[in-house]
Protein backbone atom coordinates (compact mmCIF):
# COMPACT_ATOMS: atom_id res chain seq x y z
CA UNK A 1 82.12 40.22 20.27
CA UNK A 2 82.76 36.86 19.77
CA UNK A 3 80.78 33.95 18.07
CA UNK A 4 79.56 32.67 21.55
CA UNK A 5 78.12 35.91 22.88
CA UNK A 6 76.53 36.20 19.49
CA UNK A 7 75.13 32.44 19.71
CA UNK A 8 73.86 33.52 23.06
CA UNK A 9 72.33 36.40 22.23
CA UNK A 10 70.39 34.79 19.73
CA UNK A 11 69.17 31.84 21.43
CA UNK A 12 67.63 34.31 24.43
CA UNK A 13 65.96 36.43 21.86
CA UNK A 14 64.63 32.95 20.01
CA UNK A 15 63.37 32.11 23.90
CA UNK A 16 63.81 28.59 25.72
CA UNK A 17 64.35 25.77 23.94
CA UNK A 18 61.96 22.47 23.40
CA UNK A 19 62.52 18.92 23.91
CA UNK A 20 63.36 16.94 20.36
CA UNK A 21 62.84 13.04 21.35
CA UNK A 22 63.03 10.08 19.14
CA UNK A 23 62.24 6.49 19.87
CA UNK A 24 64.08 3.59 18.94
CA UNK A 25 62.78 0.02 19.17
CA UNK A 26 64.62 -2.74 18.13
CA UNK A 27 67.04 -0.66 15.81
CA UNK A 28 64.17 1.15 14.14
CA UNK A 29 62.94 4.25 14.64
CA UNK A 30 59.55 4.21 15.26
CA UNK A 31 59.02 7.79 16.53
CA UNK A 32 60.14 11.16 16.13
CA UNK A 33 58.74 14.17 17.76
CA UNK A 34 59.78 18.21 18.45
CA UNK A 35 57.48 19.26 21.43
CA UNK A 36 55.79 22.82 20.58
CA UNK A 37 56.05 23.94 24.29
CA UNK A 38 58.44 22.75 27.16
CA UNK A 39 56.14 20.36 29.55
CA UNK A 40 56.17 17.13 31.26
CA UNK A 41 57.04 13.96 29.03
CA UNK A 42 55.43 10.83 29.84
CA UNK A 43 56.03 7.47 28.44
CA UNK A 44 54.13 4.25 29.03
CA UNK A 45 51.94 1.98 27.04
CA UNK A 46 48.01 3.71 28.23
CA UNK A 47 46.95 5.92 25.58
CA UNK A 48 47.41 8.77 28.37
CA UNK A 49 51.29 8.90 27.96
CA UNK A 50 52.98 11.38 25.35
CA UNK A 51 54.65 8.97 23.84
CA UNK A 52 52.73 5.25 23.70
CA UNK A 53 54.75 2.47 23.15
CA UNK A 54 53.75 -1.10 23.21
CA UNK A 55 56.62 -3.03 25.30
CA UNK A 56 56.68 -5.61 28.70
CA UNK A 57 59.26 -3.17 30.17
CA UNK A 58 57.08 -0.32 30.28
CA UNK A 59 54.31 1.07 32.98
CA UNK A 60 51.18 2.36 31.93
CA UNK A 61 52.56 6.06 32.26
CA UNK A 62 55.77 7.07 33.63
CA UNK A 63 56.85 10.61 33.84
CA UNK A 64 60.59 10.44 32.06
CA UNK A 65 60.98 14.08 32.09
CA UNK A 66 59.55 15.99 34.49
CA UNK A 67 59.30 19.88 34.22
CA UNK A 68 58.45 22.03 37.63
CA UNK A 69 57.87 25.37 35.01
CA UNK A 70 61.34 26.31 35.31
CA UNK A 71 63.67 23.33 34.89
CA UNK A 72 63.85 19.79 33.61
CA UNK A 73 64.72 16.59 35.71
CA UNK A 74 65.65 13.27 34.19
CA UNK A 75 63.59 10.58 36.24
CA UNK A 76 65.07 6.97 36.08
CA UNK A 77 64.58 3.68 37.91
CA UNK A 78 67.39 1.13 38.97
CA UNK A 79 65.97 -1.09 35.86
CA UNK A 80 66.62 1.78 33.58
CA UNK A 81 70.06 2.57 31.84
CA UNK A 82 71.64 5.71 30.30
CA UNK A 83 74.14 8.13 29.72
CA UNK A 84 73.84 12.15 29.92
CA UNK A 85 76.05 15.26 28.97
CA UNK A 86 75.21 17.83 31.03
CA UNK A 87 75.97 21.60 30.18
CA UNK A 88 77.72 20.99 26.81
CA UNK A 89 80.47 19.20 28.76
CA UNK A 90 82.70 16.63 26.69
CA UNK A 91 82.22 14.16 29.02
CA UNK A 92 79.14 12.12 28.98
CA UNK A 93 78.53 9.88 32.19
CA UNK A 94 76.29 7.42 33.29
CA UNK A 95 73.18 7.49 35.84
CA UNK A 96 75.55 5.22 38.28
CA UNK A 97 78.06 7.99 37.73
CA UNK A 98 75.78 10.68 38.53
CA UNK A 99 74.20 8.58 41.49
CA UNK A 100 77.51 7.87 43.04
CA UNK A 101 78.51 11.63 42.45
CA UNK A 102 75.59 13.12 44.50
CA UNK A 103 74.30 14.95 41.47
CA UNK A 104 71.20 13.24 41.31
CA UNK A 105 68.17 13.84 43.48
CA UNK A 106 65.35 11.48 44.81
CA UNK A 107 62.05 12.79 42.87
CA UNK A 108 59.10 10.73 44.05
CA UNK A 109 59.93 6.83 43.47
CA UNK A 110 62.75 7.30 41.09
CA UNK A 111 66.20 9.27 41.35
CA UNK A 112 66.27 12.65 39.25
CA UNK A 113 68.85 14.04 37.34
CA UNK A 114 68.28 18.43 36.61
CA UNK A 115 68.97 19.05 32.78
CA UNK A 116 70.18 22.12 31.11
CA UNK A 117 68.87 23.82 27.98
CA UNK A 118 72.28 22.28 26.68
CA UNK A 119 71.69 18.49 27.92
CA UNK A 120 71.51 15.93 25.98
CA UNK A 121 71.66 11.90 26.27
CA UNK A 122 69.88 8.21 25.93
CA UNK A 123 67.56 6.67 28.49
CA UNK A 124 67.60 2.56 27.90
CA UNK A 125 64.18 0.71 28.62
CA UNK A 126 64.58 -2.86 28.01
CA UNK A 127 64.35 -3.12 24.07
CA UNK A 128 63.38 0.74 23.89
CA UNK A 129 66.01 3.75 23.57
CA UNK A 130 65.10 7.10 24.29
CA UNK A 131 67.15 9.72 22.56
CA UNK A 132 66.61 13.64 23.25
CA UNK A 133 68.04 17.01 23.14
CA UNK A 134 67.00 20.35 23.76
CA UNK A 135 66.51 22.57 20.21
CA UNK A 136 65.39 26.36 19.77
CA UNK A 137 61.57 26.17 18.98
CA UNK A 138 61.66 26.79 15.38
CA UNK A 139 59.36 29.49 13.65
CA UNK A 140 56.24 28.41 11.69
CA UNK A 141 57.21 28.99 8.61
CA UNK A 142 55.20 30.65 5.78
CA UNK A 143 52.32 28.89 3.41
CA UNK A 144 53.84 27.80 0.44
CA UNK A 145 51.79 28.99 -2.38
CA UNK A 146 52.49 27.92 -5.76
CA UNK A 147 52.49 29.94 -8.69
CA UNK A 148 49.66 30.50 -10.71
CA UNK A 149 50.93 28.96 -13.83
CA UNK A 150 51.24 25.62 -11.71
CA UNK A 151 47.99 25.72 -9.76
CA UNK A 152 46.13 25.91 -13.22
CA UNK A 153 42.28 27.67 -13.22
CA UNK A 154 38.82 26.22 -11.42
CA UNK A 155 38.22 25.06 -15.19
CA UNK A 156 40.93 22.92 -15.57
CA UNK A 157 40.42 21.08 -12.22
CA UNK A 158 37.30 19.95 -13.34
CA UNK A 159 36.53 16.25 -13.99
CA UNK A 160 34.68 16.82 -17.89
CA UNK A 161 33.50 13.39 -18.05
CA UNK A 162 31.64 14.10 -15.00
CA UNK A 163 30.44 17.06 -15.35
CA UNK A 164 29.19 16.31 -18.67
CA UNK A 165 27.16 13.45 -17.35
CA UNK A 166 25.97 15.78 -14.12
CA UNK A 167 24.67 18.09 -16.76
CA UNK A 168 22.94 15.91 -18.97
CA UNK A 169 21.11 14.09 -16.17
CA UNK A 170 20.27 17.48 -15.02
CA UNK A 171 18.58 18.84 -18.31
CA UNK A 172 16.65 15.31 -18.65
CA UNK A 173 14.87 15.64 -14.90
CA UNK A 174 14.11 19.59 -15.24
CA UNK A 175 12.68 18.53 -18.48
CA UNK A 176 10.65 15.76 -16.66
CA UNK A 177 9.35 17.72 -14.04
CA UNK A 178 8.35 20.60 -16.45
CA UNK A 179 6.47 18.55 -18.72
CA UNK A 180 4.75 16.68 -15.63
CA UNK A 181 3.67 20.25 -14.26
CA UNK A 182 2.55 21.64 -17.80
CA UNK A 183 -0.14 18.82 -18.01
CA UNK A 184 -3.65 19.39 -16.50
CA UNK A 185 -4.79 18.08 -13.84
CA UNK A 186 -8.04 15.85 -14.05
CA UNK A 187 -9.58 15.25 -11.04
CA UNK A 188 -11.28 11.95 -11.23
CA UNK A 189 -15.16 12.15 -11.47
CA UNK A 190 -15.87 7.87 -10.29
CA UNK A 191 -14.44 5.42 -7.98
CA UNK A 192 -13.45 3.78 -10.86
CA UNK A 193 -10.90 5.77 -11.95
CA UNK A 194 -8.91 5.60 -8.50
CA UNK A 195 -6.57 2.94 -7.86
CA UNK A 196 -7.96 -0.19 -5.41
CA UNK A 197 -5.20 0.62 -2.88
CA UNK A 198 -6.61 4.16 -2.68
CA UNK A 199 -10.10 3.44 -2.49
CA UNK A 200 -9.98 2.22 1.11
CA UNK A 201 -8.40 5.87 2.10
CA UNK A 202 -10.85 7.77 -0.13
CA UNK A 203 -14.13 5.97 0.42
CA UNK A 204 -15.93 5.76 3.66
CA UNK A 205 -17.62 2.96 5.23
CA UNK A 206 -20.98 2.43 4.06
CA UNK A 207 -23.89 2.99 6.32
CA UNK A 208 -26.65 1.01 5.79
CA UNK A 209 -29.86 3.02 5.30
CA UNK A 210 -32.56 2.92 7.59
CA UNK A 211 -35.81 1.21 6.78
CA UNK A 212 -38.83 2.58 5.09
CA UNK A 213 -42.22 2.00 5.81
CA UNK A 214 -44.26 0.75 2.84
CA UNK A 215 -46.78 3.46 3.13
CA UNK A 216 -44.06 5.94 3.12
CA UNK A 217 -42.21 4.90 0.10
CA UNK A 218 -45.56 4.73 -1.76
CA UNK A 219 -46.57 7.88 -0.82
CA UNK A 220 -43.46 9.49 -2.26
CA UNK A 221 -44.06 7.64 -5.42
CA UNK A 222 -47.34 9.03 -5.86
CA UNK A 223 -46.33 12.56 -5.26
CA UNK A 224 -43.77 12.30 -7.81
CA UNK A 225 -45.91 11.28 -10.36
CA UNK A 226 -48.44 14.02 -9.41
CA UNK A 227 -45.50 16.43 -9.78
CA UNK A 228 -45.13 14.95 -13.46
CA UNK A 229 -48.76 14.80 -14.32
CA UNK A 230 -48.85 18.71 -13.15
CA UNK A 231 -47.25 20.14 -15.99
CA UNK A 232 -49.47 18.79 -18.53
CA UNK A 233 -52.64 19.95 -16.84
CA UNK A 234 -51.37 23.02 -16.68
CA UNK A 235 -51.11 23.42 -20.57
CA UNK A 236 -54.23 21.93 -21.37
CA UNK A 237 -56.46 23.84 -18.63
CA UNK A 238 -56.77 27.63 -18.59
CA UNK A 239 -55.67 29.41 -15.50
CA UNK A 240 -58.75 29.69 -13.15
CA UNK A 241 -58.71 32.06 -10.33
CA UNK A 242 -57.42 30.29 -6.98
CA UNK A 243 -60.20 28.69 -5.03
CA UNK A 244 -60.59 29.74 -1.69
CA UNK A 245 -59.14 27.45 1.19
CA UNK A 246 -61.61 25.75 3.46
CA UNK A 247 -61.31 27.19 6.65
CA UNK A 248 -61.53 23.33 8.11
CA UNK A 249 -59.96 20.44 7.04
CA UNK A 250 -61.49 17.34 8.12
CA UNK A 251 -58.95 15.33 9.90
CA UNK A 252 -58.77 11.37 8.06
CA UNK A 253 -57.26 8.64 10.14
CA UNK A 254 -54.04 7.01 8.84
CA UNK A 255 -55.86 3.90 7.80
CA UNK A 256 -58.41 5.50 5.61
CA UNK A 257 -55.35 7.57 4.18
CA UNK A 258 -53.35 4.34 3.26
CA UNK A 259 -56.79 2.89 1.59
CA UNK A 260 -57.35 6.01 -0.31
CA UNK A 261 -53.85 6.19 -1.68
CA UNK A 262 -54.03 2.38 -2.83
CA UNK A 263 -57.16 2.96 -4.59
CA UNK A 264 -55.45 5.66 -6.46
CA UNK A 265 -52.64 3.47 -7.33
CA UNK A 266 -54.67 0.71 -8.64
CA UNK A 267 -56.76 3.08 -10.84
CA UNK A 268 -53.96 4.48 -12.07
CA UNK A 269 -52.14 1.07 -13.29
CA UNK A 270 -55.38 -0.14 -14.67
CA UNK A 271 -55.46 2.82 -16.87
CA UNK A 272 -52.12 2.05 -18.66
CA UNK A 273 -50.52 -0.46 -20.63
CA UNK A 274 -52.03 -4.10 -21.19
CA UNK A 275 -54.85 -3.48 -19.11
CA UNK A 276 -56.16 -0.11 -20.32
CA UNK A 277 -56.64 -2.45 -23.63
CA UNK A 278 -57.90 -5.24 -22.51
CA UNK A 279 -60.71 -3.51 -20.37
CA UNK A 280 -61.52 -0.88 -22.82
CA UNK A 281 -65.08 -0.54 -24.21
CA UNK A 282 -65.55 0.72 -27.72
CA UNK A 283 -66.15 4.29 -28.96
CA UNK A 284 -70.50 3.31 -29.12
CA UNK A 285 -70.11 2.46 -25.48
CA UNK A 286 -71.86 -0.94 -26.15
CA UNK A 287 -70.43 -4.14 -25.39
CA UNK A 288 -66.56 -4.89 -24.07
CA UNK A 289 -62.82 -4.09 -25.17
CA UNK A 290 -60.60 -6.48 -26.60
CA UNK A 291 -61.60 -9.58 -24.41
CA UNK A 292 -65.45 -9.35 -25.93
CA UNK A 293 -64.27 -9.19 -29.11
CA UNK A 294 -62.60 -12.40 -28.71
CA UNK A 295 -65.05 -14.35 -26.27
CA UNK A 296 -68.21 -13.36 -27.14
CA UNK A 297 -70.90 -15.07 -29.37
CA UNK A 298 -69.49 -14.69 -33.09
CA UNK A 299 -66.22 -13.48 -32.26
CA UNK A 300 -63.14 -15.17 -32.89
CA UNK A 301 -64.02 -18.17 -30.90
CA UNK A 302 -67.21 -18.59 -32.88
CA UNK A 303 -65.21 -18.91 -36.23
CA UNK A 304 -62.71 -21.53 -34.70
CA UNK A 305 -65.06 -24.39 -35.39
CA UNK A 306 -64.78 -23.53 -38.94
CA UNK A 307 -61.50 -22.78 -39.07
CA UNK A 308 -60.65 -26.56 -38.24
CA UNK A 309 -63.32 -27.87 -39.78
CA UNK A 310 -60.80 -30.10 -42.23
CA UNK A 311 -58.64 -31.56 -39.29
CA UNK A 312 -59.67 -34.75 -37.56
CA UNK A 313 -59.44 -34.80 -33.51
CA UNK A 314 -59.56 -31.08 -32.66
CA UNK A 315 -62.44 -30.27 -30.52
CA UNK A 316 -63.77 -26.51 -29.72
CA UNK A 317 -64.99 -26.81 -25.93
CA UNK A 318 -68.59 -25.70 -25.13
CA UNK A 319 -69.92 -23.38 -22.47
CA UNK A 320 -70.48 -26.06 -20.35
CA UNK A 321 -67.57 -26.97 -19.63
CA UNK A 322 -65.63 -23.65 -18.91
CA UNK A 323 -67.39 -23.08 -15.66
CA UNK A 324 -65.29 -23.92 -12.59
CA UNK A 325 -62.30 -25.20 -12.01
CA UNK A 326 -60.96 -27.91 -13.62
CA UNK A 327 -61.29 -31.69 -11.37
CA UNK A 328 -61.07 -35.05 -11.79
CA UNK A 329 -63.85 -35.21 -14.72
CA UNK A 330 -63.72 -37.88 -16.97
CA UNK A 331 -62.71 -35.64 -20.27
CA UNK A 332 -60.93 -37.34 -22.98
CA UNK A 333 -57.14 -35.91 -23.91
CA UNK A 334 -56.79 -34.44 -27.21
CA UNK A 335 -53.03 -34.64 -28.06
CA UNK A 336 -50.95 -33.77 -31.08
CA UNK A 337 -50.41 -37.48 -31.92
CA UNK A 338 -54.01 -37.76 -32.79
CA UNK A 339 -54.08 -34.60 -35.57
CA UNK A 340 -54.27 -35.90 -38.94
CA UNK A 341 -55.73 -33.99 -41.96
CA UNK A 342 -58.00 -35.50 -44.35
CA UNK A 343 -56.46 -37.96 -46.70
CA UNK A 344 -52.99 -38.15 -45.12
CA UNK A 345 -51.19 -40.48 -42.80
CA UNK A 346 -51.14 -40.52 -39.27
CA UNK A 347 -48.37 -38.72 -36.99
CA UNK A 348 -47.02 -39.88 -34.21
CA UNK A 349 -44.71 -37.84 -31.34
CA UNK A 350 -42.56 -39.28 -29.01
CA UNK A 351 -42.35 -38.22 -25.56
CA UNK A 352 -40.06 -35.26 -24.17
CA UNK A 353 -38.10 -36.42 -21.88
CA UNK A 354 -35.40 -33.70 -20.30
CA UNK A 355 -31.82 -35.27 -19.13
CA UNK A 356 -31.00 -34.21 -16.23
CA UNK A 357 -27.52 -31.87 -16.00
CA UNK A 358 -25.23 -31.84 -13.06
CA UNK A 359 -22.28 -29.88 -12.08
CA UNK A 360 -19.65 -29.46 -9.64
CA UNK A 361 -18.02 -26.05 -8.34
CA UNK A 362 -14.80 -26.64 -6.33
CA UNK A 363 -12.24 -24.08 -4.99
CA UNK A 364 -9.52 -23.85 -7.37
CA UNK A 365 -6.66 -23.38 -4.95
CA UNK A 366 -6.05 -21.06 -1.47
CA UNK A 367 -7.50 -17.58 -1.58
CA UNK A 368 -5.57 -14.70 -1.62
CA UNK A 369 -6.60 -12.46 1.62
CA UNK A 370 -5.06 -8.55 2.01
CA UNK A 371 -6.76 -7.62 5.73
CA UNK A 372 -7.17 -9.22 9.30
CA UNK A 373 -9.23 -12.15 8.06
CA UNK A 374 -7.82 -15.69 7.78
CA UNK A 375 -7.99 -18.21 4.78
CA UNK A 376 -9.58 -20.56 7.13
CA UNK A 377 -12.45 -17.90 7.73
CA UNK A 378 -12.48 -17.05 4.11
CA UNK A 379 -12.94 -20.39 2.75
CA UNK A 380 -15.55 -21.13 6.13
CA UNK A 381 -17.96 -18.86 4.29
CA UNK A 382 -16.89 -19.90 0.88
CA UNK A 383 -17.95 -23.66 1.36
CA UNK A 384 -21.31 -22.38 2.40
CA UNK A 385 -21.69 -20.61 -1.05
CA UNK A 386 -20.52 -23.48 -3.41
CA UNK A 387 -23.81 -25.10 -3.82
CA UNK A 388 -25.11 -21.50 -5.30
CA UNK A 389 -22.23 -21.16 -7.67
CA UNK A 390 -22.94 -24.92 -8.74
CA UNK A 391 -26.92 -23.71 -9.59
CA UNK A 392 -25.46 -20.99 -11.49
CA UNK A 393 -22.97 -23.29 -13.68
CA UNK A 394 -25.23 -25.72 -14.11
CA UNK A 395 -28.05 -23.36 -15.78
CA UNK A 396 -25.24 -22.50 -18.31
CA UNK A 397 -24.06 -26.46 -18.78
CA UNK A 398 -27.36 -27.31 -19.97
CA UNK A 399 -27.09 -25.04 -23.18
CA UNK A 400 -23.40 -25.65 -23.05
CA UNK A 401 -22.26 -29.73 -22.03
CA UNK A 402 -18.54 -28.88 -22.42
CA UNK A 403 -18.71 -25.89 -20.50
CA UNK A 404 -15.80 -26.36 -17.86
CA UNK A 405 -13.07 -24.01 -16.37
CA UNK A 406 -12.20 -21.50 -13.67
CA UNK A 407 -12.96 -18.00 -12.58
CA UNK A 408 -11.76 -15.74 -9.57
CA UNK A 409 -14.00 -14.29 -7.43
CA UNK A 410 -12.67 -10.21 -6.29
CA UNK A 411 -14.65 -8.39 -3.66
CA UNK A 412 -14.13 -6.32 -0.74
CA UNK A 413 -15.53 -7.65 2.96
CA UNK A 414 -16.65 -4.09 4.72
CA UNK A 415 -16.31 -3.38 8.47
CA UNK A 416 -19.75 -4.20 8.81
CA UNK A 417 -19.02 -8.04 7.14
CA UNK A 418 -20.94 -7.32 3.82
CA UNK A 419 -19.13 -7.41 0.53
CA UNK A 420 -18.46 -4.86 -2.07
CA UNK A 421 -16.79 -4.41 -5.42
CA UNK A 422 -17.55 -7.85 -6.69
CA UNK A 423 -15.86 -8.39 -9.63
CA UNK A 424 -15.90 -11.81 -11.30
CA UNK A 425 -12.42 -12.60 -13.50
CA UNK A 426 -13.17 -15.17 -16.01
CA UNK A 427 -9.57 -17.33 -16.42
CA UNK A 428 -11.03 -20.06 -18.59
CA UNK A 429 -14.83 -20.86 -18.48
CA UNK A 430 -15.70 -18.25 -21.15
CA UNK A 431 -19.24 -17.93 -19.76
CA UNK A 432 -20.50 -14.12 -19.28
CA UNK A 433 -23.79 -15.66 -17.84
CA UNK A 434 -22.06 -17.50 -14.97
CA UNK A 435 -20.10 -14.63 -13.90
CA UNK A 436 -22.98 -12.31 -13.91
CA UNK A 437 -24.93 -14.95 -12.08
CA UNK A 438 -21.85 -15.07 -9.43
CA UNK A 439 -21.86 -11.53 -9.34
CA UNK A 440 -25.39 -11.00 -8.52
CA UNK A 441 -25.35 -13.63 -5.45
CA UNK A 442 -22.22 -12.64 -4.05
CA UNK A 443 -23.58 -9.07 -3.52
CA UNK A 444 -25.80 -10.93 -0.20
CA UNK A 445 -22.92 -13.07 1.16
CA UNK A 446 -21.88 -12.08 4.59
CA UNK A 447 -18.48 -12.77 6.45
CA UNK A 448 -17.08 -12.13 9.82
CA UNK A 449 -16.62 -8.55 10.71
CA UNK A 450 -12.85 -7.48 10.53
CA UNK A 451 -11.15 -5.27 12.88
CA UNK A 452 -8.32 -3.24 10.91
CA UNK A 453 -10.50 -2.41 8.15
CA UNK A 454 -11.99 -3.63 4.79
CA UNK A 455 -10.25 -6.69 3.48
CA UNK A 456 -9.76 -7.41 -0.33
CA UNK A 457 -10.32 -11.16 -1.38
CA UNK A 458 -9.56 -13.23 -4.57
CA UNK A 459 -10.94 -16.77 -4.47
CA UNK A 460 -10.78 -18.94 -6.86
CA UNK A 461 -13.14 -21.64 -8.33
CA UNK A 462 -12.99 -24.27 -10.79
CA UNK A 463 -16.23 -25.99 -12.80
CA UNK A 464 -16.77 -29.31 -14.29
CA UNK A 465 -19.23 -31.40 -15.37
CA UNK A 466 -20.08 -34.60 -13.74
CA UNK A 467 -19.67 -37.45 -15.58
């Protein structure tokens, strides 16, 4: 068997050939590709073309090698030039020769030349040159597997520095989480133990209590005192048989019941504290209590005359001048300036004059507001309260003439407009008296009702004494 016959049998066994195409632009190979199957091959500037090449001589898409399912047809126009070798012939002809010999045919808007599996050639389109030939489709080679000594083990492929950092970080984080989970959780017992930013989420808005009648409050207080006194009475008095309840109870009007409660409270108050001591009688029943010991005849008042007998300018009031209210009578005023002892010199005391102390309270800057109220709304209310703040400062200024400094009033405005959680932060004033006075008065301030929940305010105030 000849070599050509063996080659033909090998090609048939290998199957149909596919195109191998290379594109050269300005003397440089820009792309080379071997097709995986027999199909139509297009060239152009559009991305849908099989070979997308940027060139002014190319249309968007042009089917250069048209495949009809059996054979390839090379399509060309009059603007293209090329040379093709057909059927393994040694002779190579250009497109014009094939058109003149009638071997080409019209296919669409271009001439076409039927190609065989042995054909090869080139097509020149402007600055592009397309080289083509048919080649037997090569079988996919087996995957190359490197030897084990070259591949190496898994540990050899690990970055040891990165692995060490990762392990140390993981150990530290796991230790922190484990320690945190082992600590006992302590529930907060008061609102002060919760952060300020979480208090508004936990605590509900305060609902004002309904006003109670004075009579109801008095009745509750009386019942509470009665309950406290009952155990003592039960210990002192022996157990008695329960008395039979009357069949009918007399109905008492509300007014009479109120009078009875007031009388009971008055009697209890009279029996307690200083009033009990002053109003108590002696054991013998004769005379009054401590007051009678002082004011009756022969008592302490009677001895005052002998006690002050050696001091000139001191006189004891008589009974006639004690009755009635003090009017515009012509009495003689006795002062300490006339008090002299026998044999001593005269003593004169100057009249006491109280110096008026004045101070000023002014805003120490723009307030810090966290909520829906504006700074202007806060300043509008606080300007009306500066007089009360100045009063607290002037009371303390009487004892310390050099008192001056700055404080910051921190409070919360509830949705009802009332203030809550009032705190006075002393920055430089250093006066607990002023801070306590301001904290008491701040509880009664009223602001516009905020729409978006409570508002946190920090208002600075500067106090200075007036010159």
